[in-house]
Every structure is written in structure tokens, then in C-alpha cells.
Amino acid sequence: MSTPRTAEVVRNTNETQIRVAINLDGTGQQKLDTGVPFLDHMLDQIARHGLIDLDIHAKGDLHIDAHHTVEDVGITLGMAFAKAIGDKKGIRRYGHAYVPLDEALSRVVIDFSGRPGLEYHIPFTRSMIGAFDVDLTSEFFHGFVNHAQVTLHVDNLRGVNAHHQCETVFKAFGRALRMAIELDPRAAGTIPSTKGSL
């Protein structure tokens, strides 16, 4: 029986206290309490569409704003992914997804390359989604990329409703993750790189 690909990471700073537990081979179960309702909604998309179990609890300096909480959740989630995926033997490595929601369409492509890199292109049509500052979306993905050590391309190809734009990105992110971390039975025990390591 294969080793469970799970991890728990606790990250405490003067600005945030965060605990993330993940199961890469889950069913999309989630327990989310970040204090930022829209972020919880987006994390739910990752869990459900990535079939990744997520248990994320955060306490942050929300009396200032949501910036530190959103960024640090991205950082801690990235750390948990890096820990859970281990040496990357047998994974497909690459993942991609296109996801529509009404008028919006987004594409996300990911490579568990061991090298952090983010190409981020979301032309949001407004600056706020309810109480959520859309600038924090890029902060989340920067935090994730830098600590999961992945290359990530995020493109919202079209959209008028900012909520739809953001939701299609997170759904596509979940689907791309699901593809990339899937174990390929034909590649069991091998690392998908000519270098021999990722």
C-alpha cells in the first residue's frame, strides 16, 4: 500500500497564526475558517475540484485588513503541498485546466518543477468582490508558488463579473493541481525529469 500523501504545517508570526492539514489523495472534504469568507469560498473550490482534503484555520490581523491572512494562507498551503508531495516520484508533474462560469473563462497551467515562477494575468473588472480586495488574489498565488516550488501560469481569458473571474481561476487551479499530483502507474517510482530530481 502506498504511503499517504498528507501533511500538516503550523506557521505562526506576529501577524497570523495558521494551521494547514492536507491529504493529496482525498475526496474534496474541507474544513475552512480563515476569517475571510471569500477566501474560504475560493479554498473550497480548490478542495472540491482538486479532490484534495483541506483543513485550514487562520487567525490574522483582520483589524488592519486581510492582506497578511490571505498571503500567509497561500504560503502555508504551499509549504504543506511541498511536504505532502515529497520526492515527487511517480507524479504526472504537469497539470492544466480550462474552466468556464457563465461569461468567464480561465486557464491554469502548473508544473511541479522545483522552481518558483508565477505568470499572473487576471484583468479584474472591479477592485472589490464584496469586502475582498482582488489584489489579494495575486498575493495568495505568490505565496503558494514560492513555497510549493512550482511554476504556475494563471490566465483569465475573458469575464465581466469579477466574482466569476476569480472563481474560474480557483476552480481551474484545483483541476490543474489534481492532474499534476496524480500518480501515474506507468511511472511508478520514477521522477518525471531528465535531471533525475525536481
C-alpha atoms as a PDB file:
ATOM      1  CA  MET A   1       0.000   0.000   0.000  1.00  0.00           C
ATOM      2  CA  SER A   2       1.337   3.430  -0.923  1.00  0.00           C
ATOM      3  CA  THR A   3       2.330   5.939   1.722  1.00  0.00           C
ATOM      4  CA  PRO A   4      -0.393   8.515   2.436  1.00  0.00           C
ATOM      5  CA  ARG A   5       0.446  11.874   0.905  1.00  0.00           C
ATOM      6  CA  THR A   6      -0.576  14.032   3.830  1.00  0.00           C
ATOM      7  CA  ALA A   7       0.963  16.925   5.700  1.00  0.00           C
ATOM      8  CA  GLU A   8       0.270  19.368   8.476  1.00  0.00           C
ATOM      9  CA  VAL A   9       2.027  22.715   8.753  1.00  0.00           C
ATOM     10  CA  VAL A  10       1.689  25.294  11.502  1.00  0.00           C
ATOM     11  CA  ARG A  11       3.014  28.773  10.789  1.00  0.00           C
ATOM     12  CA  ASN A  12       2.868  31.465  13.449  1.00  0.00           C
ATOM     13  CA  THR A  13       4.027  35.055  13.078  1.00  0.00           C
ATOM     14  CA  ASN A  14       3.206  38.331  14.807  1.00  0.00           C
ATOM     15  CA  GLU A  15       0.598  38.891  12.092  1.00  0.00           C
ATOM     16  CA  THR A  16      -1.021  35.480  11.611  1.00  0.00           C
ATOM     17  CA  GLN A  17      -1.397  32.057  13.198  1.00  0.00           C
ATOM     18  CA  ILE A  18      -2.183  29.407  10.601  1.00  0.00           C
ATOM     19  CA  ARG A  19      -2.602  25.644  10.549  1.00  0.00           C
ATOM     20  CA  VAL A  20      -2.988  23.724   7.300  1.00  0.00           C
ATOM     21  CA  ALA A  21      -3.593  19.983   7.012  1.00  0.00           C
ATOM     22  CA  ILE A  22      -3.938  18.374   3.586  1.00  0.00           C
ATOM     23  CA  ASN A  23      -4.477  14.991   2.009  1.00  0.00           C
ATOM     24  CA  LEU A  24      -3.488  14.969  -1.658  1.00  0.00           C
ATOM     25  CA  ASP A  25      -5.410  11.723  -2.228  1.00  0.00           C
ATOM     26  CA  GLY A  26      -8.624  12.855  -0.625  1.00  0.00           C
ATOM     27  CA  THR A  27     -12.176  13.318  -1.824  1.00  0.00           C
ATOM     28  CA  GLY A  28     -12.512  17.089  -1.575  1.00  0.00           C
ATOM     29  CA  GLN A  29     -13.517  17.286   2.075  1.00  0.00           C
ATOM     30  CA  GLN A  30     -12.836  20.645   3.686  1.00  0.00           C
ATOM     31  CA  LYS A  31     -12.895  22.493   6.980  1.00  0.00           C
ATOM     32  CA  LEU A  32     -12.129  26.145   6.361  1.00  0.00           C
ATOM     33  CA  ASP A  33     -12.009  29.030   8.792  1.00  0.00           C
ATOM     34  CA  THR A  34      -9.660  31.820   7.757  1.00  0.00           C
ATOM     35  CA  GLY A  35     -11.769  34.749   8.928  1.00  0.00           C
ATOM     36  CA  VAL A  36     -12.006  35.869   5.282  1.00  0.00           C
ATOM     37  CA  PRO A  37     -15.268  34.433   3.894  1.00  0.00           C
ATOM     38  CA  PHE A  38     -14.430  34.936   0.222  1.00  0.00           C
ATOM     39  CA  LEU A  39     -11.052  33.231   0.699  1.00  0.00           C
ATOM     40  CA  ASP A  40     -12.846  30.285   2.311  1.00  0.00           C
ATOM     41  CA  HIS A  41     -15.108  30.135  -0.744  1.00  0.00           C
ATOM     42  CA  MET A  42     -12.083  30.029  -3.073  1.00  0.00           C
ATOM     43  CA  LEU A  43     -10.268  27.410  -0.970  1.00  0.00           C
ATOM     44  CA  ASP A  44     -13.423  25.307  -1.160  1.00  0.00           C
ATOM     45  CA  GLN A  45     -13.056  25.368  -4.959  1.00  0.00           C
ATOM     46  CA  ILE A  46      -9.505  24.002  -4.663  1.00  0.00           C
ATOM     47  CA  ALA A  47     -10.643  21.180  -2.377  1.00  0.00           C
ATOM     48  CA  ARG A  48     -13.712  20.152  -4.354  1.00  0.00           C
ATOM     49  CA  HIS A  49     -12.260  20.409  -7.846  1.00  0.00           C
ATOM     50  CA  GLY A  50      -8.829  19.113  -6.881  1.00  0.00           C
ATOM     51  CA  LEU A  51     -10.196  16.225  -4.776  1.00  0.00           C
ATOM     52  CA  ILE A  52      -7.800  17.397  -2.076  1.00  0.00           C
ATOM     53  CA  ASP A  53      -8.862  17.314   1.562  1.00  0.00           C
ATOM     54  CA  LEU A  54      -8.161  20.677   3.179  1.00  0.00           C
ATOM     55  CA  ASP A  55      -8.315  21.650   6.825  1.00  0.00           C
ATOM     56  CA  ILE A  56      -7.273  25.292   7.137  1.00  0.00           C
ATOM     57  CA  HIS A  57      -7.646  27.525  10.158  1.00  0.00           C
ATOM     58  CA  ALA A  58      -6.209  31.026  10.379  1.00  0.00           C
ATOM     59  CA  LYS A  59      -6.263  33.914  12.813  1.00  0.00           C
ATOM     60  CA  GLY A  60      -4.878  37.117  11.391  1.00  0.00           C
ATOM     61  CA  ASP A  61      -4.736  40.848  11.941  1.00  0.00           C
ATOM     62  CA  LEU A  62      -8.046  41.446  10.176  1.00  0.00           C
ATOM     63  CA  HIS A  63      -8.492  44.663  12.134  1.00  0.00           C
ATOM     64  CA  ILE A  64      -5.889  46.050   9.709  1.00  0.00           C
ATOM     65  CA  ASP A  65      -7.008  44.254   6.544  1.00  0.00           C
ATOM     66  CA  ALA A  66      -6.991  40.782   5.006  1.00  0.00           C
ATOM     67  CA  HIS A  67      -3.605  41.093   3.277  1.00  0.00           C
ATOM     68  CA  HIS A  68      -1.448  39.190   5.753  1.00  0.00           C
ATOM     69  CA  THR A  69      -4.030  36.456   6.252  1.00  0.00           C
ATOM     70  CA  VAL A  70      -4.539  35.762   2.545  1.00  0.00           C
ATOM     71  CA  GLU A  71      -0.830  35.866   1.725  1.00  0.00           C
ATOM     72  CA  ASP A  72       0.141  33.704   4.694  1.00  0.00           C
ATOM     73  CA  VAL A  73      -2.542  31.120   3.936  1.00  0.00           C
ATOM     74  CA  GLY A  74      -1.014  30.863   0.451  1.00  0.00           C
ATOM     75  CA  ILE A  75       2.454  30.465   1.965  1.00  0.00           C
ATOM     76  CA  THR A  76       1.368  27.814   4.465  1.00  0.00           C
ATOM     77  CA  LEU A  77      -0.651  25.891   1.883  1.00  0.00           C
ATOM     78  CA  GLY A  78       2.400  25.893  -0.406  1.00  0.00           C
ATOM     79  CA  MET A  79       4.557  24.560   2.432  1.00  0.00           C
ATOM     80  CA  ALA A  80       2.030  21.800   3.079  1.00  0.00           C
ATOM     81  CA  PHE A  81       1.981  20.797  -0.595  1.00  0.00           C
ATOM     82  CA  ALA A  82       5.764  20.623  -0.712  1.00  0.00           C
ATOM     83  CA  LYS A  83       5.809  18.439   2.392  1.00  0.00           C
ATOM     84  CA  ALA A  84       2.977  16.134   1.282  1.00  0.00           C
ATOM     85  CA  ILE A  85       4.224  15.539  -2.247  1.00  0.00           C
ATOM     86  CA  GLY A  86       7.690  14.529  -1.069  1.00  0.00           C
ATOM     87  CA  ASP A  87      10.235  13.469  -3.696  1.00  0.00           C
ATOM     88  CA  LYS A  88       7.608  13.629  -6.494  1.00  0.00           C
ATOM     89  CA  LYS A  89       8.259  10.080  -7.666  1.00  0.00           C
ATOM     90  CA  GLY A  90       5.523   8.834  -9.965  1.00  0.00           C
ATOM     91  CA  ILE A  91       3.543  12.077 -10.244  1.00  0.00           C
ATOM     92  CA  ARG A  92       2.413  13.393 -13.598  1.00  0.00           C
ATOM     93  CA  ARG A  93       4.151  16.697 -12.723  1.00  0.00           C
ATOM     94  CA  TYR A  94       2.233  18.876 -15.196  1.00  0.00           C
ATOM     95  CA  GLY A  95      -1.397  19.877 -14.953  1.00  0.00           C
ATOM     96  CA  HIS A  96      -3.696  22.210 -16.829  1.00  0.00           C
ATOM     97  CA  ALA A  97      -7.358  23.148 -16.888  1.00  0.00           C
ATOM     98  CA  TYR A  98      -9.787  25.475 -18.606  1.00  0.00           C
ATOM     99  CA  VAL A  99     -12.874  26.323 -16.538  1.00  0.00           C
ATOM    100  CA  PRO A 100     -15.873  28.429 -17.580  1.00  0.00           C
ATOM    101  CA  LEU A 101     -18.501  30.059 -15.395  1.00  0.00           C
ATOM    102  CA  ASP A 102     -21.172  31.807 -17.421  1.00  0.00           C
ATOM    103  CA  GLU A 103     -19.336  34.561 -19.344  1.00  0.00           C
ATOM    104  CA  ALA A 104     -15.946  33.988 -17.649  1.00  0.00           C
ATOM    105  CA  LEU A 105     -13.233  31.589 -18.769  1.00  0.00           C
ATOM    106  CA  SER A 106      -9.880  30.916 -17.122  1.00  0.00           C
ATOM    107  CA  ARG A 107      -6.864  28.713 -17.796  1.00  0.00           C
ATOM    108  CA  VAL A 108      -4.348  27.493 -15.218  1.00  0.00           C
ATOM    109  CA  VAL A 109      -1.197  25.510 -16.015  1.00  0.00           C
ATOM    110  CA  ILE A 110       1.131  24.156 -13.319  1.00  0.00           C
ATOM    111  CA  ASP A 111       4.486  22.395 -13.237  1.00  0.00           C
ATOM    112  CA  PHE A 112       5.855  20.863 -10.042  1.00  0.00           C
ATOM    113  CA  SER A 113       9.263  21.885 -11.303  1.00  0.00           C
ATOM    114  CA  GLY A 114      11.033  22.679  -8.057  1.00  0.00           C
ATOM    115  CA  ARG A 115      11.431  26.233  -9.359  1.00  0.00           C
ATOM    116  CA  PRO A 116       9.092  29.017  -8.221  1.00  0.00           C
ATOM    117  CA  GLY A 117       7.647  31.092 -11.022  1.00  0.00           C
ATOM    118  CA  LEU A 118       4.337  32.871 -11.486  1.00  0.00           C
ATOM    119  CA  GLU A 119       2.770  34.338 -14.604  1.00  0.00           C
ATOM    120  CA  TYR A 120      -0.411  36.010 -13.426  1.00  0.00           C
ATOM    121  CA  HIS A 121      -2.882  37.701 -15.748  1.00  0.00           C
ATOM    122  CA  ILE A 122      -6.326  38.462 -14.373  1.00  0.00           C
ATOM    123  CA  PRO A 123      -7.803  41.726 -15.724  1.00  0.00           C
ATOM    124  CA  PHE A 124     -10.341  42.119 -12.937  1.00  0.00           C
ATOM    125  CA  THR A 125     -13.271  44.317 -13.931  1.00  0.00           C
ATOM    126  CA  ARG A 126     -13.544  45.833 -10.454  1.00  0.00           C
ATOM    127  CA  SER A 127     -11.281  46.202  -7.444  1.00  0.00           C
ATOM    128  CA  MET A 128     -13.501  44.624  -4.801  1.00  0.00           C
ATOM    129  CA  ILE A 129     -15.602  41.461  -4.640  1.00  0.00           C
ATOM    130  CA  GLY A 130     -17.809  42.293  -1.707  1.00  0.00           C
ATOM    131  CA  ALA A 131     -15.300  43.039   1.057  1.00  0.00           C
ATOM    132  CA  PHE A 132     -12.461  41.183  -0.703  1.00  0.00           C
ATOM    133  CA  ASP A 133      -9.707  43.218  -2.384  1.00  0.00           C
ATOM    134  CA  VAL A 134      -8.915  41.472  -5.686  1.00  0.00           C
ATOM    135  CA  ASP A 135      -5.227  42.414  -5.351  1.00  0.00           C
ATOM    136  CA  LEU A 136      -5.003  39.751  -2.645  1.00  0.00           C
ATOM    137  CA  THR A 137      -5.548  37.033  -5.250  1.00  0.00           C
ATOM    138  CA  SER A 138      -2.042  37.563  -6.615  1.00  0.00           C
ATOM    139  CA  GLU A 139      -0.639  37.645  -3.067  1.00  0.00           C
ATOM    140  CA  PHE A 140      -2.176  34.218  -2.409  1.00  0.00           C
ATOM    141  CA  PHE A 141      -0.676  32.716  -5.558  1.00  0.00           C
ATOM    142  CA  HIS A 142       2.746  34.315  -4.999  1.00  0.00           C
ATOM    143  CA  GLY A 143       2.831  32.831  -1.509  1.00  0.00           C
ATOM    144  CA  PHE A 144       1.803  29.403  -2.765  1.00  0.00           C
ATOM    145  CA  VAL A 145       4.249  29.332  -5.695  1.00  0.00           C
ATOM    146  CA  ASN A 146       7.255  30.434  -3.656  1.00  0.00           C
ATOM    147  CA  HIS A 147       6.751  27.762  -1.000  1.00  0.00           C
ATOM    148  CA  ALA A 148       5.368  24.870  -3.064  1.00  0.00           C
ATOM    149  CA  GLN A 149       8.254  25.466  -5.516  1.00  0.00           C
ATOM    150  CA  VAL A 150       6.048  25.300  -8.610  1.00  0.00           C
ATOM    151  CA  THR A 151       5.784  27.136 -11.896  1.00  0.00           C
ATOM    152  CA  LEU A 152       2.256  28.494 -12.321  1.00  0.00           C
ATOM    153  CA  HIS A 153       0.555  30.269 -15.203  1.00  0.00           C
ATOM    154  CA  VAL A 154      -2.794  31.878 -14.370  1.00  0.00           C
ATOM    155  CA  ASP A 155      -4.837  33.484 -17.138  1.00  0.00           C
ATOM    156  CA  ASN A 156      -8.374  34.790 -17.047  1.00  0.00           C
ATOM    157  CA  LEU A 157      -9.188  34.753 -20.750  1.00  0.00           C
ATOM    158  CA  ARG A 158     -12.483  36.605 -20.515  1.00  0.00           C
ATOM    159  CA  GLY A 159     -15.039  37.735 -17.990  1.00  0.00           C
ATOM    160  CA  VAL A 160     -17.246  40.617 -16.941  1.00  0.00           C
ATOM    161  CA  ASN A 161     -18.248  39.601 -13.419  1.00  0.00           C
ATOM    162  CA  ALA A 162     -15.233  39.793 -11.095  1.00  0.00           C
ATOM    163  CA  HIS A 163     -16.595  37.034  -8.847  1.00  0.00           C
ATOM    164  CA  HIS A 164     -16.853  34.752 -11.890  1.00  0.00           C
ATOM    165  CA  GLN A 165     -13.339  35.716 -12.999  1.00  0.00           C
ATOM    166  CA  CYS A 166     -11.864  34.783  -9.632  1.00  0.00           C
ATOM    167  CA  GLU A 167     -13.918  31.636  -9.157  1.00  0.00           C
ATOM    168  CA  THR A 168     -12.967  30.223 -12.567  1.00  0.00           C
ATOM    169  CA  VAL A 169      -9.297  30.766 -11.691  1.00  0.00           C
ATOM    170  CA  PHE A 170      -9.550  28.872  -8.407  1.00  0.00           C
ATOM    171  CA  LYS A 171     -11.600  26.062  -9.939  1.00  0.00           C
ATOM    172  CA  ALA A 172      -9.050  25.717 -12.751  1.00  0.00           C
ATOM    173  CA  PHE A 173      -6.247  25.808 -10.176  1.00  0.00           C
ATOM    174  CA  GLY A 174      -7.868  22.904  -8.330  1.00  0.00           C
ATOM    175  CA  ARG A 175      -8.311  20.887 -11.519  1.00  0.00           C
ATOM    176  CA  ALA A 176      -4.726  21.557 -12.640  1.00  0.00           C
ATOM    177  CA  LEU A 177      -3.398  20.507  -9.235  1.00  0.00           C
ATOM    178  CA  ARG A 178      -5.438  17.316  -9.411  1.00  0.00           C
ATOM    179  CA  MET A 179      -3.885  16.408 -12.766  1.00  0.00           C
ATOM    180  CA  ALA A 180      -0.312  17.296 -11.796  1.00  0.00           C
ATOM    181  CA  ILE A 181      -0.196  15.442  -8.469  1.00  0.00           C
ATOM    182  CA  GLU A 182      -1.917  12.324  -9.775  1.00  0.00           C
ATOM    183  CA  LEU A 183       0.219   9.208  -9.561  1.00  0.00           C
ATOM    184  CA  ASP A 184       0.888   7.687 -12.981  1.00  0.00           C
ATOM    185  CA  PRO A 185       1.000   3.886 -12.658  1.00  0.00           C
ATOM    186  CA  ARG A 186       3.342   3.662 -15.655  1.00  0.00           C
ATOM    187  CA  ALA A 187       5.837   5.969 -13.965  1.00  0.00           C
ATOM    188  CA  ALA A 188       5.812   4.351 -10.529  1.00  0.00           C
ATOM    189  CA  GLY A 189       8.989   5.083  -8.600  1.00  0.00           C
ATOM    190  CA  THR A 190      10.444   7.391 -11.241  1.00  0.00           C
ATOM    191  CA  ILE A 191      10.922  11.136 -11.152  1.00  0.00           C
ATOM    192  CA  PRO A 192       9.474  12.907 -14.219  1.00  0.00           C
ATOM    193  CA  SER A 193      12.624  14.810 -15.131  1.00  0.00           C
ATOM    194  CA  THR A 194      15.746  14.113 -17.188  1.00  0.00           C
ATOM    195  CA  LYS A 195      17.703  15.638 -14.293  1.00  0.00           C
ATOM    196  CA  GLY A 196      16.605  12.807 -12.009  1.00  0.00           C
ATOM    197  CA  SER A 197      15.280  15.237  -9.409  1.00  0.00           C
ATOM    198  CA  LEU A 198      12.740  18.013  -9.067  1.00  0.00           C
END
